[in-house]
Amino acid sequence: MAKVLVAEPLAPAGIELLRARHEVDARKALTHEELLAAVADVDALVIRSATQVTAEVLAAAPNLKVVGRAGIGLDNVDVPAATKQGVMVVNAPQSNVISAAEHTIALIMSMARNIPRADAALRDGRWERSRWTGTELYGKTLGVVGLGRIGTLVAHRMHAFGMRLLAYDPYVSRERAAQMDVELGTLDEVLARADVITIHLPKTPETIGLIGTDELARMKQGARLVNVARGGIVDEAALAKAVESGHLGGAAVDVFVEEPTTDSPLFRLDRVVVTPHLGASTAEAQDKAGVTIAEQVLLALDGQFVPNAVNVDAGPVPEHLRPFLALTEKLGRLYTAFACSSGEGNISGQVTVEYHGTIADHDNRVLTLSALKGMFAPTSQEPVTFVNAPLLAADRGVSVTEVRSAASRDYVNLVVVSGQGPSGPISVAGTTVGPRDLERIVAVNDVVIDLAPSEHMLFFWYEDRPGIVGTVGSILGTADVNIAGMQVGRREAGGEALMSLTVDSAPPPEVMERIQAEIGAHDTTVVHLRDEGAAG
């Protein structure tokens, strides 16, 4: 069982998921010093927004494999330091998108109709109907700065109010925006034309202070601004001055540079609506975040691909690629086994991962990462993950190239991993077949075979001649090694042949040496598709 530290309150459903598999230490809050002591022997750390996972914290956790952030933002995690240390960082990017979008709309409506101030006045015994006259949203222009998941949800919902949609997002194509009835513009165009501007950007060095005095001055007279993204993207003092001067008609803010806070120039202005970072504060969002992050942490601790790992150069795995995820890892292990069969013990140089057939039409980065993970697992002194596999490749001088081709002569889909080994070119190819997507190794060094991958696999290269199959079978039988499957492939009769076998148990080295001697094999490779590694 792994040790999991939950450093902040998490949904009970998430805690129970983790406790069903691992030892969990759940805390409500930790000081920095307490955190440094608590992470000394943990395998996983789960946090929300308050805990700061710095390089110092990471260095104090030598066993740490994954940091899970129950939410979207990661400004409280040193992701580069985690990546350098081989620690996966995961979040729950979908958990609060609906809640954040709905809170944005609630703030827009509250700001437009002065609901908080009117409510407060009436509760205070003052009927101030004329003072709190609002404005309609119908026919106005909504400026969305950041057309990601939350920004898109807000745009969709405000379109139903009859608002025109204008957005700034350099990563969204005009074609994609047009499909959503959104007009794209520059940031200056959005500032100048929008009646209501809503911010939906991550907090990065590039976005901190993005909306300051100059940008607010470029907004149209009487416009309003909403920030439910991250504190610091909008200059709070400058925003307060823009509202107080009458240049802006109002503002609504849910996030602040310093949190928690009870003091801001925004708090003293009637035309500003403020809430204490409530964007994700719904029961549904908290449950989803807790369960999602628990699931991601469990995957990471199991060494599986984690769709929401932020420091892996791949997105979530589409269903049509899932059958190939395990296959590509096995192809990577086979490649290393063949490359190391001469005793070199490592791989280097150029490796190519080819995708043929319908699979070539997709983004296959996750499959390439899986091949790298399999490639380095047998020879690495440390556990290989989707995070550190690219780092290991760089450290070992291995460069990876992807090749895609819609043409596949014999199979609907085919994956080939190839490169240059110590003794010459190496290639191994695989596919999936049938409605259950059964895995098949279909070629090694261009010699055609048809073999289902197994935990223990044997490969012999020899000169084709009669009697070899019987000799190998007899020797393995005498050693009480049961053959599960066997395939013989050759380039031509009497030429070089490849015998590939799957067996129920690993044969002792002396058995492999006897087979090699009796059949005159010039190359023998043993492959174990679990963590035992590969040997030649």
Protein backbone atom coordinates (compact mmCIF):
# COMPACT_ATOMS: atom_id res chain seq x y z
CA MET A 1 0.00 0.00 0.00
CA ALA A 2 1.20 3.47 -0.85
CA LYS A 3 1.05 6.40 1.59
CA VAL A 4 -1.21 9.27 0.54
CA LEU A 5 -1.23 12.64 2.29
CA VAL A 6 -4.39 14.71 1.80
CA ALA A 7 -3.28 18.13 2.96
CA GLU A 8 -6.64 19.93 2.71
CA PRO A 9 -10.31 18.99 3.07
CA LEU A 10 -11.45 16.68 0.24
CA ALA A 11 -14.87 15.29 -0.63
CA PRO A 12 -15.55 12.16 1.48
CA ALA A 13 -16.17 10.12 -1.67
CA GLY A 14 -12.63 10.88 -2.85
CA ILE A 15 -11.13 9.99 0.53
CA GLU A 16 -12.96 6.67 0.54
CA LEU A 17 -11.70 5.81 -2.95
CA LEU A 18 -8.12 6.37 -1.82
CA ARG A 19 -8.56 4.51 1.48
CA ALA A 20 -9.93 1.45 -0.30
CA ARG A 21 -6.50 0.95 -1.87
CA HIS A 22 -3.91 2.83 0.15
CA GLU A 23 -2.99 4.29 3.53
CA VAL A 24 -4.41 7.82 3.76
CA ASP A 25 -3.47 10.62 6.15
CA ALA A 26 -6.17 13.28 5.79
CA ARG A 27 -5.49 16.70 7.34
CA LYS A 28 -7.56 19.89 7.39
CA ALA A 29 -4.58 22.24 7.15
CA LEU A 30 -0.79 22.20 7.48
CA THR A 31 1.77 24.91 8.06
CA HIS A 32 4.75 24.95 5.72
CA GLU A 33 6.95 23.32 8.38
CA GLU A 34 4.31 20.67 9.09
CA LEU A 35 4.01 19.95 5.38
CA LEU A 36 7.77 19.49 5.00
CA ALA A 37 7.73 16.91 7.79
CA ALA A 38 4.57 15.16 6.60
CA VAL A 39 5.74 14.54 3.02
CA ALA A 40 8.98 12.81 4.02
CA ASP A 41 7.67 9.31 3.32
CA VAL A 42 4.54 9.80 1.20
CA ASP A 43 3.96 8.46 -2.31
CA ALA A 44 1.14 10.85 -3.19
CA LEU A 45 0.14 14.35 -2.10
CA VAL A 46 -3.41 15.66 -2.62
CA ILE A 47 -4.06 19.39 -2.25
CA ARG A 48 -6.56 22.10 -3.14
CA SER A 49 -5.73 25.78 -3.53
CA ALA A 50 -4.16 26.70 -0.18
CA THR A 51 -1.19 24.32 0.03
CA GLN A 52 1.97 25.57 -1.68
CA VAL A 53 3.91 22.72 -3.28
CA THR A 54 7.28 24.38 -3.77
CA ALA A 55 10.60 22.95 -4.92
CA GLU A 56 11.53 22.73 -1.23
CA VAL A 57 8.46 20.61 -0.50
CA LEU A 58 9.18 18.36 -3.47
CA ALA A 59 12.80 17.90 -2.41
CA ALA A 60 11.60 16.86 1.05
CA ALA A 61 9.55 14.02 -0.48
CA PRO A 62 11.97 11.49 -2.02
CA ASN A 63 9.24 8.85 -2.48
CA LEU A 64 6.72 11.21 -4.04
CA LYS A 65 5.24 9.99 -7.33
CA VAL A 66 2.24 12.23 -7.86
CA VAL A 67 0.78 15.54 -6.71
CA GLY A 68 -2.97 15.78 -7.17
CA ARG A 69 -4.68 19.18 -7.24
CA ALA A 70 -8.44 18.85 -6.61
CA GLY A 71 -9.40 21.62 -9.00
CA ILE A 72 -8.16 23.37 -12.13
CA GLY A 73 -5.56 25.95 -11.15
CA LEU A 74 -1.95 24.95 -10.58
CA ASP A 75 -0.39 28.25 -9.56
CA ASN A 76 0.33 26.75 -6.12
CA VAL A 77 2.40 23.88 -7.57
CA ASP A 78 5.95 24.21 -8.92
CA VAL A 79 5.28 22.07 -12.00
CA PRO A 80 8.78 22.43 -13.58
CA ALA A 81 10.42 21.31 -10.33
CA ALA A 82 8.03 18.37 -10.11
CA THR A 83 8.75 17.36 -13.70
CA LYS A 84 12.49 17.54 -13.11
CA GLN A 85 12.06 15.28 -10.09
CA GLY A 86 9.91 12.84 -12.11
CA VAL A 87 6.79 13.62 -10.08
CA MET A 88 3.53 13.60 -11.99
CA VAL A 89 1.20 16.54 -11.42
CA VAL A 90 -2.49 15.92 -12.02
CA ASN A 91 -5.56 18.07 -11.64
CA ALA A 92 -9.32 17.83 -12.11
CA PRO A 93 -9.88 20.16 -15.05
CA GLN A 94 -13.51 19.28 -15.69
CA SER A 95 -14.71 19.17 -12.11
CA ASN A 96 -15.77 22.79 -11.65
CA VAL A 97 -16.25 24.13 -15.16
CA ILE A 98 -20.04 24.18 -14.94
CA SER A 99 -20.02 25.68 -11.46
CA ALA A 100 -17.52 28.37 -12.49
CA ALA A 101 -19.50 29.21 -15.63
CA GLU A 102 -22.75 29.45 -13.66
CA HIS A 103 -21.12 31.64 -11.02
CA THR A 104 -19.83 33.94 -13.78
CA ILE A 105 -23.34 34.31 -15.13
CA ALA A 106 -24.70 34.90 -11.62
CA LEU A 107 -22.20 37.72 -11.16
CA ILE A 108 -23.02 39.24 -14.55
CA MET A 109 -26.72 39.25 -13.69
CA SER A 110 -26.14 40.52 -10.15
CA MET A 111 -23.93 43.31 -11.45
CA ALA A 112 -26.31 44.32 -14.25
CA ARG A 113 -29.32 44.49 -11.91
CA ASN A 114 -27.56 45.65 -8.71
CA ILE A 115 -29.03 42.68 -6.84
CA PRO A 116 -26.63 42.55 -3.85
CA ARG A 117 -26.98 46.25 -2.99
CA ALA A 118 -30.75 46.28 -3.50
CA ASP A 119 -31.07 43.22 -1.27
CA ALA A 120 -28.90 44.78 1.43
CA ALA A 121 -30.82 48.08 1.34
CA LEU A 122 -34.20 46.40 1.64
CA ARG A 123 -33.02 44.23 4.53
CA ASP A 124 -31.76 47.43 6.15
CA GLY A 125 -35.24 48.96 5.93
CA ARG A 126 -34.67 51.12 2.84
CA TRP A 127 -36.94 50.91 -0.24
CA GLU A 128 -34.57 52.31 -2.90
CA ARG A 129 -36.23 51.24 -6.12
CA SER A 130 -35.06 54.16 -8.23
CA ARG A 131 -31.49 54.08 -6.92
CA TRP A 132 -30.80 50.55 -8.09
CA THR A 133 -32.08 50.73 -11.64
CA GLY A 134 -30.20 48.19 -13.74
CA THR A 135 -29.45 47.52 -17.38
CA GLU A 136 -30.56 44.85 -19.85
CA LEU A 137 -28.09 42.41 -21.34
CA TYR A 138 -30.14 41.77 -24.47
CA GLY A 139 -28.44 43.21 -27.54
CA LYS A 140 -25.24 44.00 -25.66
CA THR A 141 -21.81 42.61 -26.55
CA LEU A 142 -20.12 40.09 -24.28
CA GLY A 143 -16.33 40.05 -24.54
CA VAL A 144 -14.85 36.71 -23.52
CA VAL A 145 -11.11 36.83 -22.81
CA GLY A 146 -10.08 33.17 -22.97
CA LEU A 147 -12.35 30.83 -24.93
CA GLY A 148 -11.48 27.63 -23.08
CA ARG A 149 -13.91 25.27 -21.39
CA ILE A 150 -15.37 27.79 -18.94
CA GLY A 151 -15.28 30.68 -21.39
CA THR A 152 -17.11 28.59 -23.97
CA LEU A 153 -19.81 27.57 -21.48
CA VAL A 154 -20.33 31.20 -20.50
CA ALA A 155 -20.54 32.24 -24.16
CA HIS A 156 -23.12 29.55 -24.92
CA ARG A 157 -25.29 30.53 -21.99
CA MET A 158 -25.10 34.30 -22.54
CA HIS A 159 -25.90 33.83 -26.22
CA ALA A 160 -29.30 32.60 -25.02
CA PHE A 161 -29.77 36.01 -23.38
CA GLY A 162 -29.47 37.62 -26.80
CA MET A 163 -25.95 38.93 -26.31
CA ARG A 164 -23.52 39.31 -29.20
CA LEU A 165 -20.33 37.30 -28.62
CA LEU A 166 -16.83 38.66 -29.13
CA ALA A 167 -13.74 36.85 -27.88
CA TYR A 168 -9.98 37.07 -27.62
CA ASP A 169 -8.09 33.79 -27.68
CA PRO A 170 -5.01 33.37 -29.90
CA TYR A 171 -5.28 29.57 -29.70
CA VAL A 172 -8.78 29.31 -31.17
CA SER A 173 -9.28 29.34 -34.94
CA ARG A 174 -11.81 31.61 -36.57
CA GLU A 175 -13.54 28.55 -37.99
CA ARG A 176 -13.97 27.04 -34.53
CA ALA A 177 -15.19 30.36 -33.12
CA ALA A 178 -17.66 30.76 -35.99
CA GLN A 179 -19.18 27.39 -35.12
CA MET A 180 -20.00 28.86 -31.71
CA ASP A 181 -21.35 32.13 -33.17
CA VAL A 182 -18.36 33.94 -31.68
CA GLU A 183 -16.45 36.69 -33.45
CA LEU A 184 -12.72 36.64 -32.74
CA GLY A 185 -10.78 39.85 -32.20
CA THR A 186 -7.60 41.16 -30.67
CA LEU A 187 -7.52 42.00 -26.99
CA ASP A 188 -7.70 45.69 -27.86
CA GLU A 189 -10.77 45.09 -30.04
CA VAL A 190 -12.53 43.19 -27.28
CA LEU A 191 -11.70 45.91 -24.74
CA ALA A 192 -12.95 48.65 -27.04
CA ARG A 193 -16.19 47.01 -28.20
CA ALA A 194 -17.55 44.87 -25.36
CA ASP A 195 -20.22 46.04 -22.94
CA VAL A 196 -19.36 43.25 -20.51
CA ILE A 197 -15.94 41.61 -20.38
CA THR A 198 -15.42 38.30 -18.61
CA ILE A 199 -11.97 36.87 -17.91
CA HIS A 200 -11.30 33.13 -18.29
CA LEU A 201 -7.53 32.68 -18.42
CA PRO A 202 -5.04 30.64 -16.41
CA LYS A 203 -2.66 32.52 -14.16
CA THR A 204 0.74 32.45 -15.84
CA PRO A 205 3.67 34.89 -16.05
CA GLU A 206 2.15 36.11 -19.32
CA THR A 207 -1.33 36.76 -17.90
CA ILE A 208 -0.42 38.35 -14.55
CA GLY A 209 -1.36 42.02 -14.79
CA LEU A 210 -2.87 41.50 -18.26
CA ILE A 211 -5.71 43.91 -17.47
CA GLY A 212 -4.19 47.01 -15.88
CA THR A 213 -4.65 50.77 -15.98
CA ASP A 214 -4.03 51.13 -19.72
CA GLU A 215 -6.29 48.23 -20.68
CA LEU A 216 -9.11 49.44 -18.45
CA ALA A 217 -8.82 52.89 -20.01
CA ARG A 218 -9.35 51.32 -23.45
CA MET A 219 -12.67 49.81 -22.37
CA LYS A 220 -15.75 51.65 -23.58
CA GLN A 221 -17.47 54.13 -21.27
CA GLY A 222 -19.88 52.38 -18.89
CA ALA A 223 -18.63 48.86 -19.66
CA ARG A 224 -18.41 46.24 -16.93
CA LEU A 225 -15.75 43.66 -16.09
CA VAL A 226 -16.02 40.23 -14.43
CA ASN A 227 -13.16 38.09 -13.10
CA VAL A 228 -13.89 34.54 -11.92
CA ALA A 229 -10.53 33.25 -13.17
CA ARG A 230 -7.52 34.03 -10.98
CA GLY A 231 -6.48 36.93 -8.80
CA GLY A 232 -3.70 39.04 -10.30
CA ILE A 233 -4.84 38.84 -13.91
CA VAL A 234 -6.76 42.08 -13.29
CA ASP A 235 -5.10 44.90 -11.35
CA GLU A 236 -7.53 45.32 -8.44
CA ALA A 237 -6.46 48.85 -7.51
CA ALA A 238 -6.68 50.02 -11.13
CA LEU A 239 -10.10 48.39 -11.48
CA ALA A 240 -11.35 50.14 -8.35
CA LYS A 241 -10.20 53.51 -9.72
CA ALA A 242 -11.85 52.86 -13.09
CA VAL A 243 -15.18 52.13 -11.39
CA GLU A 244 -14.89 54.95 -8.87
CA SER A 245 -14.14 57.49 -11.63
CA GLY A 246 -17.27 56.46 -13.50
CA HIS A 247 -15.38 55.22 -16.54
CA LEU A 248 -16.63 51.68 -15.90
CA GLY A 249 -20.25 50.99 -15.04
CA GLY A 250 -19.37 48.26 -12.58
CA ALA A 251 -17.35 45.15 -11.85
CA ALA A 252 -17.77 41.69 -10.34
CA VAL A 253 -14.81 39.91 -8.77
CA ASP A 254 -14.57 36.43 -7.24
CA VAL A 255 -10.77 36.10 -7.03
CA PHE A 256 -8.04 38.25 -5.48
CA VAL A 257 -4.27 38.57 -5.47
CA GLU A 258 -4.15 37.60 -1.81
CA GLU A 259 -6.57 35.02 -0.48
CA PRO A 260 -8.19 34.95 1.95
CA THR A 261 -8.69 38.71 2.18
CA THR A 262 -11.20 41.00 3.84
CA ASP A 263 -9.71 44.28 2.67
CA SER A 264 -9.71 45.61 -0.89
CA PRO A 265 -10.51 48.99 -2.45
CA LEU A 266 -13.17 47.11 -4.43
CA PHE A 267 -15.13 46.32 -1.26
CA ARG A 268 -16.02 49.98 -0.69
CA LEU A 269 -17.71 50.54 -4.06
CA ASP A 270 -21.48 50.19 -4.52
CA ARG A 271 -21.20 49.18 -8.17
CA VAL A 272 -18.85 46.27 -7.48
CA VAL A 273 -20.09 42.78 -6.63
CA VAL A 274 -17.58 40.63 -4.73
CA THR A 275 -17.59 36.99 -3.59
CA PRO A 276 -14.93 35.00 -1.69
CA HIS A 277 -13.67 32.68 -4.47
CA LEU A 278 -16.94 30.80 -4.85
CA GLY A 279 -16.51 29.77 -8.49
CA ALA A 280 -16.03 26.10 -7.64
CA SER A 281 -17.97 26.17 -4.38
CA THR A 282 -20.89 23.92 -5.17
CA ALA A 283 -21.53 20.52 -3.67
CA GLU A 284 -21.46 19.00 -7.15
CA ALA A 285 -18.10 20.54 -8.08
CA GLN A 286 -16.48 19.52 -4.80
CA ASP A 287 -17.69 15.93 -5.16
CA LYS A 288 -16.49 15.75 -8.76
CA ALA A 289 -13.10 17.25 -7.89
CA GLY A 290 -12.56 14.85 -4.98
CA VAL A 291 -13.55 11.74 -6.92
CA THR A 292 -11.71 12.77 -10.08
CA ILE A 293 -8.43 13.54 -8.32
CA ALA A 294 -8.65 10.31 -6.32
CA GLU A 295 -9.08 8.35 -9.56
CA GLN A 296 -6.13 10.14 -11.16
CA VAL A 297 -3.88 9.55 -8.15
CA LEU A 298 -4.80 5.86 -8.11
CA LEU A 299 -3.88 5.56 -11.79
CA ALA A 300 -0.56 7.29 -11.17
CA LEU A 301 0.28 5.03 -8.23
CA ASP A 302 -0.51 2.01 -10.43
CA GLY A 303 1.91 3.28 -13.10
CA GLN A 304 -0.90 3.73 -15.62
CA PHE A 305 -1.48 6.55 -18.05
CA VAL A 306 -3.15 9.46 -16.27
CA PRO A 307 -5.32 11.50 -18.65
CA ASN A 308 -5.20 14.64 -16.49
CA ALA A 309 -1.44 14.72 -15.92
CA VAL A 310 -0.47 18.30 -16.71
CA ASN A 311 3.24 17.63 -17.16
CA VAL A 312 2.77 14.94 -19.80
CA ASP A 313 2.79 16.05 -23.45
CA ALA A 314 -0.47 14.33 -24.25
CA GLY A 315 -4.13 14.79 -23.58
CA PRO A 316 -6.81 12.37 -22.44
CA VAL A 317 -6.84 9.09 -24.36
CA PRO A 318 -9.74 8.86 -26.85
CA GLU A 319 -11.59 5.57 -26.79
CA HIS A 320 -10.42 4.60 -30.28
CA LEU A 321 -6.77 4.87 -29.15
CA ARG A 322 -7.11 3.01 -25.86
CA PRO A 323 -6.59 -0.48 -27.34
CA PHE A 324 -3.20 0.66 -28.66
CA LEU A 325 -1.95 2.13 -25.37
CA ALA A 326 -0.85 -1.19 -23.86
CA LEU A 327 0.25 -2.49 -27.28
CA THR A 328 2.66 0.40 -27.89
CA GLU A 329 4.20 -0.04 -24.44
CA LYS A 330 4.82 -3.71 -25.25
CA LEU A 331 6.32 -2.79 -28.60
CA GLY A 332 8.67 -0.43 -26.75
CA ARG A 333 9.74 -3.23 -24.41
CA LEU A 334 10.29 -5.59 -27.34
CA TYR A 335 12.37 -2.98 -29.14
CA THR A 336 14.64 -2.56 -26.11
CA ALA A 337 14.94 -6.32 -25.67
CA PHE A 338 16.14 -6.76 -29.25
CA ALA A 339 18.42 -3.73 -29.05
CA CYS A 340 20.01 -5.04 -25.84
CA SER A 341 20.19 -8.70 -26.78
CA SER A 342 23.85 -8.33 -27.74
CA GLY A 343 24.68 -7.21 -24.20
CA GLU A 344 24.96 -3.47 -24.88
CA GLY A 345 22.40 -2.87 -22.13
CA ASN A 346 20.99 0.41 -23.44
CA ILE A 347 19.41 2.14 -26.41
CA SER A 348 20.34 5.38 -28.10
CA GLY A 349 20.07 7.27 -31.35
CA GLN A 350 17.03 7.78 -33.51
CA VAL A 351 13.82 5.85 -32.83
CA THR A 352 10.84 6.08 -35.17
CA VAL A 353 7.26 5.26 -34.23
CA GLU A 354 5.12 4.71 -37.30
CA TYR A 355 1.31 4.74 -37.42
CA HIS A 356 -0.32 3.18 -40.47
CA GLY A 357 -4.00 3.00 -41.38
CA THR A 358 -6.92 4.81 -39.79
CA ILE A 359 -4.95 5.38 -36.59
CA ALA A 360 -2.70 7.76 -38.53
CA ASP A 361 -5.53 10.30 -38.66
CA HIS A 362 -5.32 10.94 -34.91
CA ASP A 363 -3.04 12.72 -32.45
CA ASN A 364 -0.90 9.80 -31.28
CA ARG A 365 1.44 11.54 -28.85
CA VAL A 366 0.08 9.50 -25.96
CA LEU A 367 0.90 6.29 -27.83
CA THR A 368 4.43 7.50 -28.53
CA LEU A 369 4.84 8.28 -24.82
CA SER A 370 3.60 4.79 -24.04
CA ALA A 371 6.21 3.32 -26.40
CA LEU A 372 8.92 5.35 -24.63
CA LYS A 373 7.67 4.16 -21.24
CA GLY A 374 7.97 0.55 -22.39
CA MET A 375 11.32 1.22 -24.00
CA PHE A 376 13.03 2.49 -20.85
CA ALA A 377 11.27 0.40 -18.19
CA PRO A 378 13.50 -2.68 -18.61
CA THR A 379 16.77 -0.76 -18.28
CA SER A 380 16.01 2.07 -15.85
CA GLN A 381 17.07 2.16 -12.22
CA GLU A 382 14.00 4.27 -11.41
CA PRO A 383 10.29 3.70 -12.10
CA VAL A 384 9.46 4.96 -15.58
CA THR A 385 6.36 7.10 -15.92
CA PHE A 386 4.72 9.12 -18.64
CA VAL A 387 6.39 12.14 -17.01
CA ASN A 388 10.00 11.04 -16.96
CA ALA A 389 10.08 8.85 -20.08
CA PRO A 390 10.79 11.86 -22.36
CA LEU A 391 13.41 13.08 -19.88
CA LEU A 392 15.09 9.66 -19.92
CA ALA A 393 15.06 9.73 -23.71
CA ALA A 394 16.76 13.13 -23.73
CA ASP A 395 19.28 12.05 -21.10
CA ARG A 396 20.18 8.96 -23.14
CA GLY A 397 20.45 10.71 -26.47
CA VAL A 398 17.33 9.09 -27.89
CA SER A 399 15.37 11.24 -30.31
CA VAL A 400 11.90 10.13 -31.34
CA THR A 401 10.16 10.76 -34.65
CA GLU A 402 6.53 10.04 -35.47
CA VAL A 403 5.57 8.94 -38.98
CA ARG A 404 1.96 8.65 -40.11
CA SER A 405 0.55 7.06 -43.22
CA ALA A 406 -3.07 6.32 -44.10
CA ALA A 407 -1.84 3.39 -46.19
CA SER A 408 -1.68 -0.02 -44.47
CA ARG A 409 -1.42 -2.96 -46.84
CA ASP A 410 -2.29 -5.89 -44.59
CA TYR A 411 -3.95 -4.41 -41.50
CA VAL A 412 -6.58 -1.82 -40.67
CA ASN A 413 -4.07 -0.31 -38.22
CA LEU A 414 -0.39 -0.99 -37.70
CA VAL A 415 2.18 0.43 -35.27
CA VAL A 416 5.90 0.00 -35.95
CA VAL A 417 8.76 0.92 -33.61
CA SER A 418 12.11 0.98 -35.37
CA GLY A 419 15.66 2.19 -35.02
CA GLN A 420 19.30 1.24 -35.21
CA GLY A 421 20.60 -1.36 -32.77
CA PRO A 422 24.21 -2.36 -32.03
CA SER A 423 24.04 -5.10 -34.68
CA GLY A 424 21.91 -3.34 -37.28
CA PRO A 425 18.35 -2.14 -37.89
CA ILE A 426 15.63 -3.18 -35.44
CA SER A 427 11.88 -3.04 -35.97
CA VAL A 428 8.88 -4.53 -34.25
CA ALA A 429 5.30 -4.16 -35.45
CA GLY A 430 1.94 -4.81 -33.84
CA THR A 431 -1.78 -4.41 -34.33
CA THR A 432 -5.10 -5.25 -32.75
CA VAL A 433 -7.63 -7.64 -34.26
CA GLY A 434 -11.28 -8.54 -33.84
CA PRO A 435 -14.11 -6.95 -31.87
CA ARG A 436 -12.15 -7.35 -28.62
CA ASP A 437 -9.05 -5.61 -30.03
CA LEU A 438 -6.77 -8.56 -29.27
CA GLU A 439 -3.09 -7.62 -29.45
CA ARG A 440 -0.79 -9.21 -32.02
CA ILE A 441 2.92 -8.91 -32.72
CA VAL A 442 2.96 -9.22 -36.50
CA ALA A 443 6.58 -8.60 -37.53
CA VAL A 444 10.11 -8.45 -36.13
CA ASN A 445 12.84 -7.01 -38.33
CA ASP A 446 10.44 -7.36 -41.29
CA VAL A 447 9.97 -11.09 -40.71
CA VAL A 448 6.23 -11.75 -40.56
CA ILE A 449 4.84 -13.59 -37.52
CA ASP A 450 1.48 -13.64 -35.71
CA LEU A 451 1.93 -13.89 -31.97
CA ALA A 452 -0.21 -12.77 -29.03
CA PRO A 453 2.03 -10.94 -26.52
CA SER A 454 2.56 -12.80 -23.27
CA GLU A 455 4.35 -12.23 -19.99
CA HIS A 456 7.27 -14.42 -21.11
CA MET A 457 8.42 -14.45 -24.75
CA LEU A 458 11.39 -16.13 -26.45
CA PHE A 459 12.92 -15.29 -29.82
CA PHE A 460 15.56 -17.31 -31.73
CA TRP A 461 17.26 -16.32 -35.00
CA TYR A 462 18.79 -19.27 -36.88
CA GLU A 463 19.28 -20.84 -40.30
CA ASP A 464 16.07 -22.40 -41.57
CA ARG A 465 16.23 -26.22 -41.70
CA PRO A 466 14.15 -29.24 -40.59
CA GLY A 467 14.02 -30.41 -36.96
CA ILE A 468 14.44 -27.09 -35.19
CA VAL A 469 10.90 -26.90 -33.83
CA GLY A 470 11.17 -30.38 -32.34
CA THR A 471 14.53 -29.65 -30.73
CA VAL A 472 13.32 -26.46 -29.07
CA GLY A 473 10.13 -28.10 -27.87
CA SER A 474 12.00 -31.06 -26.45
CA ILE A 475 14.50 -28.97 -24.51
CA LEU A 476 11.79 -26.74 -23.03
CA GLY A 477 9.66 -29.75 -22.16
CA THR A 478 12.55 -31.41 -20.36
CA ALA A 479 13.02 -28.18 -18.38
CA ASP A 480 9.29 -28.20 -17.49
CA VAL A 481 8.68 -24.97 -19.41
CA ASN A 482 5.27 -25.12 -21.08
CA ILE A 483 4.88 -23.56 -24.55
CA ALA A 484 1.71 -21.48 -24.88
CA GLY A 485 2.23 -20.41 -28.47
CA MET A 486 4.80 -20.69 -31.25
CA GLN A 487 5.34 -19.01 -34.60
CA VAL A 488 8.09 -19.48 -37.18
CA GLY A 489 8.71 -16.84 -39.81
CA ARG A 490 11.37 -16.63 -42.49
CA ARG A 491 12.38 -14.43 -45.37
CA GLU A 492 12.87 -17.42 -47.69
CA ALA A 493 13.16 -21.19 -47.47
CA GLY A 494 16.58 -22.16 -46.18
CA GLY A 495 17.41 -18.57 -45.21
CA GLU A 496 17.32 -16.74 -41.91
CA ALA A 497 14.36 -17.77 -39.76
CA LEU A 498 12.80 -16.41 -36.60
CA MET A 499 11.15 -18.66 -34.02
CA SER A 500 9.00 -16.79 -31.51
CA LEU A 501 7.38 -18.45 -28.52
CA THR A 502 5.21 -17.53 -25.58
CA VAL A 503 5.80 -19.67 -22.49
CA ASP A 504 4.10 -20.01 -19.10
CA SER A 505 7.28 -19.49 -17.08
CA ALA A 506 10.69 -17.96 -17.63
CA PRO A 507 13.27 -20.59 -18.68
CA PRO A 508 16.55 -20.64 -16.71
CA PRO A 509 19.58 -19.13 -18.47
CA GLU A 510 21.20 -22.55 -18.92
CA VAL A 511 18.16 -23.77 -20.83
CA MET A 512 18.38 -20.81 -23.21
CA GLU A 513 22.11 -21.42 -23.67
CA ARG A 514 21.47 -25.09 -24.53
CA ILE A 515 18.80 -24.20 -27.10
CA GLN A 516 21.07 -21.60 -28.68
CA ALA A 517 23.91 -24.11 -28.93
CA GLU A 518 21.85 -27.02 -30.29
CA ILE A 519 20.00 -25.08 -32.99
CA GLY A 520 22.95 -22.82 -33.84
CA ALA A 521 21.02 -19.63 -33.14
CA HIS A 522 23.06 -16.51 -33.86
CA ASP A 523 20.81 -14.36 -31.65
CA THR A 524 18.56 -15.22 -28.72
CA THR A 525 16.27 -12.82 -26.88
CA VAL A 526 14.14 -13.27 -23.77
CA VAL A 527 11.42 -10.71 -23.13
CA HIS A 528 9.45 -10.27 -19.94
CA LEU A 529 6.50 -7.93 -20.33
CA ARG A 530 6.34 -7.11 -16.64
CA ASP A 531 8.86 -5.33 -14.44
CA GLU A 532 11.39 -8.16 -14.47
CA GLY A 533 13.05 -6.43 -17.42
CA ALA A 534 14.57 -7.75 -20.61
CA ALA A 535 17.71 -9.75 -21.00
CA GLY A 536 19.66 -11.17 -23.87
